[in-house]
């Protein structure tokens, strides 16, 4: 689907108008919850929920464990909106539609974005069940959400990516992890298309180019957030071990179960980080 800037602007405006007609709060923090990681919404004092299917031009989640709703409310004294369920390139959405919700969150007032995902661990010193704060990323999706005419009202044609993840927010996360006695990892996330998991040779390649973990999301959202000048913090919950010389088959059920087991630590970290903002 060819990117049409004027049509896209109208879609963003329509989604924003629908949300504003149903929600009377102005969120300052946005949260995107990944595969198996929807439970942090239970910590929110919920004021409104909206189904993605009811919001004009919003994509609809098609993956198991992605509830597909916007949750508005208060968390740690701040007004927040959580995306309980995200979208992936492998679901067939064009890249600009994939990130439309991030544009809409910006229009609603969000200036800080906290992202989570489930990822496979490549770093041989880490294990399934660990949490990693993302320090940098590699985009192997073969596409970019900024391709096409630039939306000048949101950001520059060539946005700088020297600090895609806020160093200040990363430092807060590390300090909070120490307080909570959580062994927080820090490293590089690589995004691939999916939906199949990778081969042994691909895992070796990813590790060779500097990847600590691999997943199928996050990077498009982060690129667009940076384009608009939003501060970004992102976490990967390491749900499966991608060590090529000891590779075992893994199922979605196992990935979701590992994410769910680690989720309470992630929720507590998010709550405390938002309290700092």
Protein backbone atom coordinates (compact mmCIF):
# COMPACT_ATOMS: atom_id res chain seq x y z
CA UNK A 1 0.00 0.00 0.00
CA UNK A 2 1.58 3.28 -1.15
CA UNK A 3 2.00 5.92 1.54
CA UNK A 4 -0.32 8.89 0.99
CA UNK A 5 0.58 11.68 3.44
CA UNK A 6 -2.72 13.56 3.32
CA UNK A 7 -4.73 10.37 3.75
CA UNK A 8 -2.47 9.35 6.63
CA UNK A 9 -2.89 12.71 8.36
CA UNK A 10 -6.66 12.35 8.05
CA UNK A 11 -6.51 8.84 9.56
CA UNK A 12 -4.47 10.07 12.53
CA UNK A 13 -6.92 12.94 13.05
CA UNK A 14 -9.94 10.63 12.88
CA UNK A 15 -8.46 8.22 15.42
CA UNK A 16 -7.54 11.09 17.74
CA UNK A 17 -11.02 12.63 17.47
CA UNK A 18 -12.73 9.33 18.28
CA UNK A 19 -10.52 8.79 21.33
CA UNK A 20 -10.98 12.37 22.59
CA UNK A 21 -14.75 11.96 22.26
CA UNK A 22 -14.64 8.93 24.58
CA UNK A 23 -11.77 9.77 26.95
CA UNK A 24 -11.50 12.87 29.15
CA UNK A 25 -7.89 12.41 30.35
CA UNK A 26 -4.63 13.62 28.79
CA UNK A 27 -1.93 10.94 29.07
CA UNK A 28 1.70 11.97 29.43
CA UNK A 29 3.21 8.48 29.37
CA UNK A 30 2.50 5.75 26.82
CA UNK A 31 3.16 2.06 27.45
CA UNK A 32 3.30 -0.60 24.74
CA UNK A 33 2.93 -4.13 26.09
CA UNK A 34 4.40 -7.05 24.16
CA UNK A 35 3.67 -10.76 23.77
CA UNK A 36 2.57 -12.29 27.06
CA UNK A 37 3.11 -8.98 28.83
CA UNK A 38 -0.38 -7.52 29.14
CA UNK A 39 -0.73 -7.78 32.92
CA UNK A 40 0.86 -4.42 33.88
CA UNK A 41 -2.51 -2.84 33.08
CA UNK A 42 -3.76 -4.42 36.32
CA UNK A 43 -1.63 -1.86 38.18
CA UNK A 44 -3.40 1.04 36.46
CA UNK A 45 -6.31 2.84 38.13
CA UNK A 46 -8.37 2.48 34.95
CA UNK A 47 -10.60 5.34 33.80
CA UNK A 48 -11.40 4.26 30.23
CA UNK A 49 -10.77 1.35 27.87
CA UNK A 50 -11.23 1.36 24.11
CA UNK A 51 -11.03 -1.59 21.75
CA UNK A 52 -8.69 -1.14 18.80
CA UNK A 53 -11.47 -2.45 16.58
CA UNK A 54 -13.64 0.56 17.47
CA UNK A 55 -11.01 3.23 16.76
CA UNK A 56 -11.07 4.48 13.15
CA UNK A 57 -8.07 3.33 11.09
CA UNK A 58 -6.40 1.59 14.05
CA UNK A 59 -4.80 -1.76 13.24
CA UNK A 60 -6.21 -4.79 15.06
CA UNK A 61 -4.01 -7.24 16.95
CA UNK A 62 -4.05 -10.71 15.41
CA UNK A 63 -1.56 -12.48 17.68
CA UNK A 64 -2.44 -14.62 20.69
CA UNK A 65 -2.04 -12.84 24.09
CA UNK A 66 -2.47 -9.37 22.54
CA UNK A 67 -5.80 -8.14 23.97
CA UNK A 68 -6.15 -5.28 21.48
CA UNK A 69 -7.27 -2.34 23.60
CA UNK A 70 -6.17 1.07 24.82
CA UNK A 71 -6.28 1.45 28.59
CA UNK A 72 -6.36 4.97 30.06
CA UNK A 73 -5.87 5.79 33.73
CA UNK A 74 -3.48 6.70 36.49
CA UNK A 75 -0.29 4.88 37.41
CA UNK A 76 2.19 6.08 40.03
CA UNK A 77 0.51 9.48 40.08
CA UNK A 78 0.75 10.03 36.31
CA UNK A 79 -1.86 9.90 33.57
CA UNK A 80 -0.95 7.02 31.26
CA UNK A 81 -2.27 5.14 28.27
CA UNK A 82 -1.30 1.51 27.74
CA UNK A 83 -1.50 -0.36 24.47
CA UNK A 84 -2.47 -3.85 25.61
CA UNK A 85 -1.32 -5.56 22.46
CA UNK A 86 0.83 -4.33 19.58
CA UNK A 87 1.23 -4.94 15.88
CA UNK A 88 3.97 -6.73 13.96
CA UNK A 89 5.24 -6.38 10.42
CA UNK A 90 4.64 -10.10 9.82
CA UNK A 91 0.91 -9.59 10.39
CA UNK A 92 0.84 -7.94 6.96
CA UNK A 93 0.38 -4.30 7.92
CA UNK A 94 2.25 -1.67 5.90
CA UNK A 95 4.91 -0.03 8.03
CA UNK A 96 3.16 3.35 8.22
CA UNK A 97 -0.05 1.72 9.49
CA UNK A 98 1.92 -0.37 11.97
CA UNK A 99 3.14 2.78 13.72
CA UNK A 100 -0.03 4.88 13.34
CA UNK A 101 -0.93 4.26 17.02
CA UNK A 102 2.35 5.86 18.13
CA UNK A 103 1.52 8.95 16.08
CA UNK A 104 -1.92 9.00 17.72
CA UNK A 105 -0.42 8.67 21.22
CA UNK A 106 1.75 11.69 20.47
CA UNK A 107 -1.31 13.66 19.36
CA UNK A 108 -3.00 12.74 22.64
CA UNK A 109 -0.15 14.26 24.64
CA UNK A 110 2.28 11.38 25.22
CA UNK A 111 5.92 12.51 25.31
CA UNK A 112 7.50 9.52 27.06
CA UNK A 113 7.10 6.01 25.63
CA UNK A 114 7.84 2.79 27.53
CA UNK A 115 7.98 -0.29 25.32
CA UNK A 116 8.18 -3.98 26.22
CA UNK A 117 8.64 -7.12 24.17
CA UNK A 118 9.35 -10.82 24.42
CA UNK A 119 12.68 -11.72 22.83
CA UNK A 120 15.05 -14.60 22.27
CA UNK A 121 18.37 -14.39 24.08
CA UNK A 122 21.58 -14.65 22.03
CA UNK A 123 24.11 -13.49 24.61
CA UNK A 124 25.62 -16.70 26.02
CA UNK A 125 26.04 -15.16 29.48
CA UNK A 126 22.30 -14.55 29.89
CA UNK A 127 19.36 -16.90 30.34
CA UNK A 128 15.64 -17.26 29.75
CA UNK A 129 13.66 -15.26 32.31
CA UNK A 130 16.13 -12.36 32.44
CA UNK A 131 15.03 -8.78 31.70
CA UNK A 132 17.12 -6.57 29.41
CA UNK A 133 16.86 -2.81 29.06
CA UNK A 134 17.50 -1.94 25.43
CA UNK A 135 20.51 0.32 24.93
CA UNK A 136 20.53 0.22 21.11
CA UNK A 137 19.02 -1.72 18.22
CA UNK A 138 19.66 -3.14 14.76
CA UNK A 139 16.89 -2.96 12.17
CA UNK A 140 16.77 -6.08 9.98
CA UNK A 141 13.09 -5.74 9.10
CA UNK A 142 13.96 -4.66 5.57
CA UNK A 143 11.71 -1.60 5.88
CA UNK A 144 11.44 1.70 7.74
CA UNK A 145 8.31 3.58 8.89
CA UNK A 146 9.77 6.90 7.68
CA UNK A 147 10.02 5.84 4.02
CA UNK A 148 7.95 8.11 1.81
CA UNK A 149 7.25 11.85 2.02
CA UNK A 150 8.30 13.26 5.39
CA UNK A 151 5.64 14.48 7.81
CA UNK A 152 7.40 17.74 8.60
CA UNK A 153 5.00 18.67 11.38
CA UNK A 154 6.24 15.68 13.40
CA UNK A 155 9.97 15.72 12.78
CA UNK A 156 12.90 16.12 10.36
CA UNK A 157 13.54 14.19 7.18
CA UNK A 158 16.70 12.67 8.65
CA UNK A 159 16.14 12.17 12.39
CA UNK A 160 19.22 11.57 14.53
CA UNK A 161 19.42 8.12 16.13
CA UNK A 162 22.54 8.51 18.27
CA UNK A 163 20.38 8.07 21.39
CA UNK A 164 17.26 6.12 20.36
CA UNK A 165 16.73 5.04 23.97
CA UNK A 166 16.95 7.75 26.62
CA UNK A 167 20.16 7.46 28.64
CA UNK A 168 18.44 9.16 31.59
CA UNK A 169 15.59 6.65 31.61
CA UNK A 170 18.04 3.75 31.26
CA UNK A 171 19.97 5.02 34.30
CA UNK A 172 16.74 5.23 36.29
CA UNK A 173 15.89 1.68 35.26
CA UNK A 174 19.30 0.43 36.39
CA UNK A 175 19.01 2.20 39.75
CA UNK A 176 15.51 0.83 40.33
CA UNK A 177 16.63 -2.68 39.38
CA UNK A 178 19.36 -2.46 42.03
CA UNK A 179 16.79 -1.38 44.63
CA UNK A 180 14.53 -4.29 43.68
CA UNK A 181 17.45 -6.74 43.48
CA UNK A 182 16.63 -7.51 39.85
CA UNK A 183 19.58 -8.58 37.69
CA UNK A 184 18.83 -6.19 34.84
CA UNK A 185 20.77 -6.80 31.64
CA UNK A 186 21.59 -4.05 29.11
CA UNK A 187 22.23 -4.64 25.44
CA UNK A 188 21.32 -4.58 21.76
CA UNK A 189 17.95 -5.68 20.37
CA UNK A 190 17.71 -6.80 16.74
CA UNK A 191 14.37 -6.77 14.94
CA UNK A 192 13.71 -9.36 12.21
CA UNK A 193 10.63 -9.91 10.09
CA UNK A 194 9.43 -13.29 11.35
CA UNK A 195 7.03 -14.92 11.87
CA UNK A 196 9.22 -18.04 11.89
CA UNK A 197 11.90 -18.32 14.55
CA UNK A 198 15.43 -18.20 13.26
CA UNK A 199 17.73 -20.99 12.10
CA UNK A 200 20.98 -21.92 13.84
CA UNK A 201 22.97 -20.15 11.14
CA UNK A 202 20.86 -17.03 11.52
CA UNK A 203 21.41 -17.01 15.28
CA UNK A 204 25.17 -17.24 14.69
CA UNK A 205 24.96 -14.33 12.23
CA UNK A 206 22.92 -12.20 14.64
CA UNK A 207 25.38 -12.78 17.46
CA UNK A 208 28.31 -12.00 15.15
CA UNK A 209 26.89 -8.57 14.24
CA UNK A 210 26.46 -7.57 17.89
CA UNK A 211 22.94 -8.68 18.82
CA UNK A 212 22.22 -9.63 22.42
CA UNK A 213 18.57 -10.49 21.81
CA UNK A 214 16.28 -10.92 18.81
CA UNK A 215 12.59 -10.18 18.29
CA UNK A 216 9.99 -9.14 15.74
CA UNK A 217 8.77 -5.75 16.96
CA UNK A 218 9.69 -2.52 18.80
CA UNK A 219 12.11 -0.94 16.31
CA UNK A 220 9.45 0.68 14.04
CA UNK A 221 7.72 2.18 17.08
CA UNK A 222 11.01 3.49 18.45
CA UNK A 223 12.02 5.03 15.11
CA UNK A 224 8.75 6.94 14.87
CA UNK A 225 8.89 7.99 18.53
CA UNK A 226 12.39 9.39 17.95
CA UNK A 227 11.17 11.14 14.80
CA UNK A 228 8.68 13.02 17.01
CA UNK A 229 11.16 13.77 19.80
CA UNK A 230 9.65 11.41 22.36
CA UNK A 231 11.78 9.92 25.14
CA UNK A 232 11.90 6.13 24.85
CA UNK A 233 12.64 3.36 27.33
CA UNK A 234 12.34 -0.27 26.23
CA UNK A 235 12.61 -3.66 27.90
CA UNK A 236 12.98 -7.17 26.52
CA UNK A 237 11.81 -10.13 28.58
CA UNK A 238 14.04 -13.01 27.48
CA UNK A 239 11.69 -15.89 26.80
CA UNK A 240 13.78 -18.45 24.92
CA UNK A 241 17.46 -19.32 24.55
CA UNK A 242 18.79 -19.02 21.01
CA UNK A 243 22.14 -20.74 21.40
CA UNK A 244 22.84 -22.44 18.04
CA UNK A 245 24.94 -25.32 19.40
CA UNK A 246 22.30 -26.27 21.96
CA UNK A 247 19.14 -25.16 20.20
CA UNK A 248 15.83 -26.66 21.32
CA UNK A 249 12.38 -26.25 19.71
CA UNK A 250 10.20 -23.64 21.41
CA UNK A 251 6.45 -23.00 21.25
CA UNK A 252 4.41 -19.83 21.65
CA UNK A 253 2.87 -21.29 24.81
CA UNK A 254 6.34 -21.61 26.35
CA UNK A 255 7.23 -18.05 25.35
CA UNK A 256 4.02 -16.69 26.89
CA UNK A 257 4.53 -18.72 30.08
CA UNK A 258 8.08 -17.37 30.54
CA UNK A 259 6.92 -13.81 29.89
CA UNK A 260 4.11 -14.21 32.43
CA UNK A 261 6.49 -15.52 35.09
CA UNK A 262 8.81 -12.54 34.66
CA UNK A 263 6.06 -9.96 34.31
CA UNK A 264 5.71 -8.99 38.03
CA UNK A 265 9.31 -7.71 38.07
CA UNK A 266 8.73 -5.73 34.87
CA UNK A 267 5.50 -4.25 36.23
CA UNK A 268 7.18 -3.05 39.43
CA UNK A 269 10.00 -1.46 37.45
CA UNK A 270 7.57 0.35 35.15
CA UNK A 271 5.58 1.65 38.14
CA UNK A 272 8.69 3.08 39.79
CA UNK A 273 10.07 4.58 36.60
CA UNK A 274 6.79 6.37 35.92
CA UNK A 275 6.84 7.73 39.47
CA UNK A 276 10.20 9.40 38.60
CA UNK A 277 8.88 11.11 35.46
